[in-house]
C-alpha atoms as a PDB file:
ATOM      1  CA  ALA A   1      18.817  17.792 -13.951  1.00  0.00           C
ATOM      2  CA  LYS A   2      21.617  17.234 -16.386  1.00  0.00           C
ATOM      3  CA  ARG A   3      22.203  13.923 -18.094  1.00  0.00           C
ATOM      4  CA  ARG A   4      24.860  13.806 -20.788  1.00  0.00           C
ATOM      5  CA  ASN A   5      24.677  17.623 -20.962  1.00  0.00           C
ATOM      6  CA  ILE A   6      20.928  17.540 -21.494  1.00  0.00           C
ATOM      7  CA  ILE A   7      18.603  19.325 -19.109  1.00  0.00           C
ATOM      8  CA  MET A   8      15.722  17.235 -17.760  1.00  0.00           C
ATOM      9  CA  LYS A   9      12.334  18.927 -17.452  1.00  0.00           C
ATOM     10  CA  ASP A  10      10.652  19.524 -14.126  1.00  0.00           C
ATOM     11  CA  GLY A  11       8.127  16.714 -13.580  1.00  0.00           C
ATOM     12  CA  THR A  12      10.389  14.065 -15.123  1.00  0.00           C
ATOM     13  CA  ILE A  13       9.898  10.695 -13.406  1.00  0.00           C
ATOM     14  CA  THR A  14      13.076   8.903 -12.363  1.00  0.00           C
ATOM     15  CA  ALA A  15      12.589   5.134 -12.354  1.00  0.00           C
ATOM     16  CA  PHE A  16      15.080   2.929 -10.493  1.00  0.00           C
ATOM     17  CA  SER A  17      15.260  -0.692 -11.501  1.00  0.00           C
ATOM     18  CA  SER A  18      17.443  -3.673 -10.870  1.00  0.00           C
ATOM     19  CA  LYS A  19      17.576  -7.354 -11.238  1.00  0.00           C
ATOM     20  CA  LEU A  20      17.883  -8.032  -7.565  1.00  0.00           C
ATOM     21  CA  THR A  21      18.423 -11.736  -7.210  1.00  0.00           C
ATOM     22  CA  LEU A  22      17.661 -13.734  -4.106  1.00  0.00           C
ATOM     23  CA  GLY A  23      21.449 -14.068  -3.573  1.00  0.00           C
ATOM     24  CA  GLN A  24      21.994 -10.278  -3.729  1.00  0.00           C
ATOM     25  CA  PHE A  25      18.997  -9.758  -1.463  1.00  0.00           C
ATOM     26  CA  LEU A  26      20.456 -12.170   1.135  1.00  0.00           C
ATOM     27  CA  ARG A  27      23.962 -10.667   0.875  1.00  0.00           C
ATOM     28  CA  HIS A  28      22.702  -7.096   1.201  1.00  0.00           C
ATOM     29  CA  PHE A  29      19.793  -7.710   3.573  1.00  0.00           C
ATOM     30  CA  SER A  30      18.109  -4.446   4.573  1.00  0.00           C
ATOM     31  CA  ILE A  31      14.575  -3.023   4.912  1.00  0.00           C
ATOM     32  CA  PRO A  32      14.800  -1.222   1.533  1.00  0.00           C
ATOM     33  CA  ASN A  33      15.987  -4.460  -0.128  1.00  0.00           C
ATOM     34  CA  ILE A  34      13.053  -6.311   1.429  1.00  0.00           C
ATOM     35  CA  PHE A  35      10.754  -3.896  -0.445  1.00  0.00           C
ATOM     36  CA  ARG A  36      12.731  -4.232  -3.626  1.00  0.00           C
ATOM     37  CA  TYR A  37      12.448  -8.001  -3.528  1.00  0.00           C
ATOM     38  CA  ILE A  38       8.709  -7.986  -2.618  1.00  0.00           C
ATOM     39  CA  ILE A  39       8.079  -5.560  -5.489  1.00  0.00           C
ATOM     40  CA  HIS A  40      10.016  -7.751  -7.920  1.00  0.00           C
ATOM     41  CA  VAL A  41       8.120 -10.856  -6.910  1.00  0.00           C
ATOM     42  CA  SER A  42       4.660  -9.304  -6.680  1.00  0.00           C
ATOM     43  CA  THR A  43       4.720  -7.080  -9.774  1.00  0.00           C
ATOM     44  CA  LYS A  44       7.043  -9.174 -11.948  1.00  0.00           C
ATOM     45  CA  SER A  45       8.707  -5.819 -12.772  1.00  0.00           C
ATOM     46  CA  THR A  46      12.253  -4.682 -12.383  1.00  0.00           C
ATOM     47  CA  ILE A  47      11.161  -1.080 -11.525  1.00  0.00           C
ATOM     48  CA  GLU A  48      11.079  -0.928  -7.762  1.00  0.00           C
ATOM     49  CA  HIS A  49      11.301   2.771  -7.039  1.00  0.00           C
ATOM     50  CA  VAL A  50      10.425   6.175  -8.588  1.00  0.00           C
ATOM     51  CA  GLY A  51      11.155   9.779  -7.844  1.00  0.00           C
ATOM     52  CA  ILE A  52      10.154  13.066  -9.486  1.00  0.00           C
ATOM     53  CA  LEU A  53      12.440  15.890 -10.616  1.00  0.00           C
ATOM     54  CA  CYS A  54      11.952  19.569  -9.809  1.00  0.00           C
ATOM     55  CA  ASN A  55      14.696  22.250  -9.981  1.00  0.00           C
ATOM     56  CA  ASP A  56      17.380  19.569 -10.494  1.00  0.00           C
ATOM     57  CA  ASP A  57      16.344  17.820  -7.238  1.00  0.00           C
ATOM     58  CA  ASN A  58      15.005  14.263  -7.120  1.00  0.00           C
ATOM     59  CA  TYR A  59      12.116  14.053  -4.644  1.00  0.00           C
ATOM     60  CA  GLU A  60      11.410  10.565  -3.356  1.00  0.00           C
ATOM     61  CA  ALA A  61       9.784   8.716  -0.486  1.00  0.00           C
ATOM     62  CA  LEU A  62      12.265   6.394   1.196  1.00  0.00           C
ATOM     63  CA  VAL A  63      11.662   3.812   3.953  1.00  0.00           C
ATOM     64  CA  SER A  64      13.913   5.864   6.155  1.00  0.00           C
ATOM     65  CA  PRO A  65      13.837   8.919   6.587  1.00  0.00           C
ATOM     66  CA  GLY A  66      10.671   9.432   4.554  1.00  0.00           C
ATOM     67  CA  VAL A  67      10.207  12.060   1.863  1.00  0.00           C
ATOM     68  CA  VAL A  68      13.537  13.675   0.919  1.00  0.00           C
ATOM     69  CA  LYS A  69      15.095  15.613  -1.923  1.00  0.00           C
ATOM     70  CA  GLU A  70      18.602  15.263  -3.238  1.00  0.00           C
ATOM     71  CA  LYS A  71      20.430  16.597  -6.278  1.00  0.00           C
ATOM     72  CA  LEU A  72      20.024  13.922  -8.930  1.00  0.00           C
ATOM     73  CA  LEU A  73      23.711  13.871  -9.830  1.00  0.00           C
ATOM     74  CA  ILE A  74      24.661  13.202  -6.209  1.00  0.00           C
ATOM     75  CA  LYS A  75      22.074  10.413  -5.933  1.00  0.00           C
ATOM     76  CA  LEU A  76      23.396   8.785  -9.095  1.00  0.00           C
ATOM     77  CA  ARG A  77      26.883   8.576  -7.583  1.00  0.00           C
ATOM     78  CA  HIS A  78      25.624   6.531  -4.623  1.00  0.00           C
ATOM     79  CA  LEU A  79      23.560   3.866  -6.411  1.00  0.00           C
ATOM     80  CA  SER A  80      24.407   0.224  -6.098  1.00  0.00           C
ATOM     81  CA  SER A  81      26.030  -1.500  -9.030  1.00  0.00           C
ATOM     82  CA  TYR A  82      22.876  -3.438  -9.920  1.00  0.00           C
ATOM     83  CA  THR A  83      20.638  -0.385 -10.169  1.00  0.00           C
ATOM     84  CA  LYS A  84      19.691   1.264 -13.473  1.00  0.00           C
ATOM     85  CA  VAL A  85      17.934   4.609 -13.858  1.00  0.00           C
ATOM     86  CA  SER A  86      15.402   5.431 -16.573  1.00  0.00           C
ATOM     87  CA  TYR A  87      13.816   8.828 -17.139  1.00  0.00           C
ATOM     88  CA  TYR A  88      10.235   9.453 -18.200  1.00  0.00           C
ATOM     89  CA  GLU A  89       9.999  13.055 -19.358  1.00  0.00           C
ATOM     90  CA  LEU A  90       6.771  15.067 -19.499  1.00  0.00           C
ATOM     91  CA  ASN A  91       5.482  15.486 -23.070  1.00  0.00           C
ATOM     92  CA  LYS A  92       4.437  19.058 -22.409  1.00  0.00           C
ATOM     93  CA  GLU A  93       6.230  22.076 -21.009  1.00  0.00           C
ATOM     94  CA  LEU A  94       5.009  23.158 -17.624  1.00  0.00           C
ATOM     95  CA  THR A  95       4.121  26.819 -17.309  1.00  0.00           C
ATOM     96  CA  GLN A  96       6.003  28.927 -14.794  1.00  0.00           C
ATOM     97  CA  GLU A  97       2.977  28.728 -12.472  1.00  0.00           C
ATOM     98  CA  GLN A  98       2.859  24.932 -12.795  1.00  0.00           C
ATOM     99  CA  ARG A  99       6.605  24.606 -12.077  1.00  0.00           C
ATOM    100  CA  PHE A 100       6.178  26.754  -8.950  1.00  0.00           C
ATOM    101  CA  ALA A 101       3.100  24.739  -7.901  1.00  0.00           C
ATOM    102  CA  LEU A 102       5.064  21.495  -8.401  1.00  0.00           C
ATOM    103  CA  PHE A 103       7.935  22.852  -6.331  1.00  0.00           C
ATOM    104  CA  GLU A 104       5.597  24.040  -3.541  1.00  0.00           C
ATOM    105  CA  ASP A 105       3.726  20.714  -3.542  1.00  0.00           C
ATOM    106  CA  LEU A 106       6.898  18.583  -3.360  1.00  0.00           C
ATOM    107  CA  GLU A 107       8.457  20.854  -0.712  1.00  0.00           C
ATOM    108  CA  SER A 108       5.335  20.453   1.428  1.00  0.00           C
ATOM    109  CA  GLN A 109       5.846  16.687   1.405  1.00  0.00           C
ATOM    110  CA  LEU A 110       9.409  16.821   2.762  1.00  0.00           C
ATOM    111  CA  GLY A 111       9.786  14.961   6.026  1.00  0.00           C
ATOM    112  CA  LYS A 112       6.528  13.019   5.747  1.00  0.00           C
ATOM    113  CA  GLN A 113       6.910   9.479   6.951  1.00  0.00           C
ATOM    114  CA  TYR A 114       7.068   6.528   4.604  1.00  0.00           C
ATOM    115  CA  ALA A 115       3.785   4.659   4.300  1.00  0.00           C
ATOM    116  CA  PHE A 116       5.360   1.292   5.104  1.00  0.00           C
ATOM    117  CA  GLY A 117       2.065  -0.589   5.470  1.00  0.00           C
ATOM    118  CA  GLU A 118       0.436   0.973   2.453  1.00  0.00           C
ATOM    119  CA  ALA A 119       3.466   0.340   0.209  1.00  0.00           C
ATOM    120  CA  LEU A 120       3.647  -3.245   1.422  1.00  0.00           C
ATOM    121  CA  MET A 121      -0.097  -3.777   0.847  1.00  0.00           C
ATOM    122  CA  SER A 122       0.247  -2.257  -2.639  1.00  0.00           C
ATOM    123  CA  ALA A 123       2.915  -4.766  -3.524  1.00  0.00           C
ATOM    124  CA  ILE A 124       1.120  -7.729  -1.904  1.00  0.00           C
ATOM    125  CA  ASP A 125      -2.243  -6.839  -3.500  1.00  0.00           C
ATOM    126  CA  ASN A 126      -0.713  -7.528  -6.900  1.00  0.00           C
ATOM    127  CA  LEU A 127      -0.655 -11.192  -5.879  1.00  0.00           C
ATOM    128  CA  LEU A 128      -4.355 -11.223  -4.974  1.00  0.00           C
ATOM    129  CA  PRO A 129      -7.352 -11.762  -7.244  1.00  0.00           C
ATOM    130  CA  ARG A 130      -8.835  -8.446  -8.421  1.00  0.00           C
ATOM    131  CA  PHE A 131     -12.061  -8.758  -6.395  1.00  0.00           C
ATOM    132  CA  MET A 132     -10.015  -8.882  -3.161  1.00  0.00           C
ATOM    133  CA  ARG A 133      -7.896  -5.890  -4.139  1.00  0.00           C
ATOM    134  CA  LYS A 134     -10.846  -3.526  -4.212  1.00  0.00           C
ATOM    135  CA  LYS A 135     -11.937  -4.516  -0.708  1.00  0.00           C
ATOM    136  CA  ARG A 136      -8.463  -4.048   0.688  1.00  0.00           C
ATOM    137  CA  ALA A 137      -7.914  -0.727  -1.125  1.00  0.00           C
ATOM    138  CA  LYS A 138     -10.954   0.810   0.531  1.00  0.00           C
ATOM    139  CA  LYS A 139      -9.422   0.195   3.992  1.00  0.00           C
ATOM    140  CA  LEU A 140      -6.116   1.937   3.296  1.00  0.00           C
ATOM    141  CA  LYS A 141      -6.089   5.503   4.603  1.00  0.00           C
ATOM    142  CA  THR A 142      -2.922   7.408   5.398  1.00  0.00           C
ATOM    143  CA  LYS A 143      -1.321  10.837   5.096  1.00  0.00           C
ATOM    144  CA  LYS A 144       2.103   9.169   4.785  1.00  0.00           C
ATOM    145  CA  GLN A 145       3.801   8.691   1.392  1.00  0.00           C
ATOM    146  CA  PHE A 146       5.429   6.004  -0.684  1.00  0.00           C
ATOM    147  CA  CYS A 147       7.358   6.623  -3.863  1.00  0.00           C
ATOM    148  CA  SER A 148       4.753   6.108  -6.615  1.00  0.00           C
ATOM    149  CA  LYS A 149       2.040   7.835  -4.597  1.00  0.00           C
ATOM    150  CA  LEU A 150       4.270  10.912  -4.119  1.00  0.00           C
ATOM    151  CA  ALA A 151       4.837  11.267  -7.883  1.00  0.00           C
ATOM    152  CA  ALA A 152       1.216  10.440  -8.789  1.00  0.00           C
ATOM    153  CA  TYR A 153      -0.207  13.069  -6.430  1.00  0.00           C
ATOM    154  CA  ALA A 154       2.209  15.659  -7.836  1.00  0.00           C
ATOM    155  CA  TYR A 155       0.767  14.937 -11.314  1.00  0.00           C
ATOM    156  CA  LYS A 156      -2.779  15.015  -9.951  1.00  0.00           C
ATOM    157  CA  ASN A 157      -2.198  18.346  -8.221  1.00  0.00           C
ATOM    158  CA  LEU A 158      -0.954  19.731 -11.583  1.00  0.00           C
ATOM    159  CA  GLY A 159      -4.201  18.544 -13.211  1.00  0.00           C
ATOM    160  CA  LEU A 160      -2.408  16.011 -15.400  1.00  0.00           C
ATOM    161  CA  ILE A 161      -4.271  12.983 -14.001  1.00  0.00           C
ATOM    162  CA  ASP A 162      -7.719  12.819 -12.417  1.00  0.00           C
ATOM    163  CA  VAL A 163      -7.489   9.902  -9.984  1.00  0.00           C
ATOM    164  CA  VAL A 164      -4.633   8.327  -8.053  1.00  0.00           C
ATOM    165  CA  PRO A 165      -5.274   4.612  -7.538  1.00  0.00           C
ATOM    166  CA  ARG A 166      -4.829   3.685  -3.896  1.00  0.00           C
ATOM    167  CA  ASN A 167      -2.617   0.709  -4.778  1.00  0.00           C
ATOM    168  CA  LEU A 168      -0.006   1.874  -7.277  1.00  0.00           C
ATOM    169  CA  SER A 169       3.324   0.197  -7.802  1.00  0.00           C
ATOM    170  CA  PRO A 170       6.166   2.064  -9.481  1.00  0.00           C
ATOM    171  CA  GLN A 171       5.599   0.088 -12.700  1.00  0.00           C
ATOM    172  CA  GLU A 172       1.861   0.764 -12.594  1.00  0.00           C
ATOM    173  CA  LEU A 173       2.568   4.481 -12.299  1.00  0.00           C
ATOM    174  CA  ILE A 174       4.847   4.420 -15.339  1.00  0.00           C
ATOM    175  CA  ASP A 175       2.280   2.378 -17.304  1.00  0.00           C
ATOM    176  CA  LEU A 176      -0.502   4.836 -16.315  1.00  0.00           C
ATOM    177  CA  LEU A 177       1.538   7.888 -17.433  1.00  0.00           C
ATOM    178  CA  LEU A 178       2.576   6.185 -20.720  1.00  0.00           C
ATOM    179  CA  GLU A 179      -0.995   5.120 -21.420  1.00  0.00           C
ATOM    180  CA  LYS A 180      -2.245   8.706 -20.922  1.00  0.00           C
ATOM    181  CA  LYS A 181       0.650   9.866 -23.213  1.00  0.00           C
ATOM    182  CA  LEU A 182       1.869  12.212 -20.484  1.00  0.00           C
ATOM    183  CA  VAL A 183       5.468  11.015 -20.551  1.00  0.00           C
ATOM    184  CA  THR A 184       7.999   9.571 -22.950  1.00  0.00           C
ATOM    185  CA  LYS A 185      10.935   7.400 -21.979  1.00  0.00           C
ATOM    186  CA  PHE A 186      14.084   9.536 -22.345  1.00  0.00           C
ATOM    187  CA  LYS A 187      16.777   7.813 -24.358  1.00  0.00           C
END
């Protein structure tokens, strides 16, 4: 994807953040904004959504209609005024085989339903003591997707990370990838 005439690498994470206030939430009440607000409150983070780039498309899991792809430049035109986008670029070049595998993996996810319950539990679990999180995480089983899980599994399938935590907020995904030195924030 191009940003200021710079090409973004396949595998770049797009992170969407905002400072959604209670007033904005109430004025623009919708299911996606319910998630944004829950994520803000539970994670104390402004990052409420992530996607992953491949072939200039941004792949993401949305509440409705599920996993979709859209040209990044088109998506950027339709963002609300309080949304900011950050880019976390892979520190290594993917081989041609890896780029093709990433494309095939993301394409196979298109149309999968949003894991509403799992995403909600992931956000709520951040409010629970750690010993309760582990018990709850063992019970969550789904083939559906939510945004950070979609990107994390793409990295796992490329062999870049070993394990995908069951409860993984967008901010936790970014922190995991930064900690493993897999990505660098694009400036």
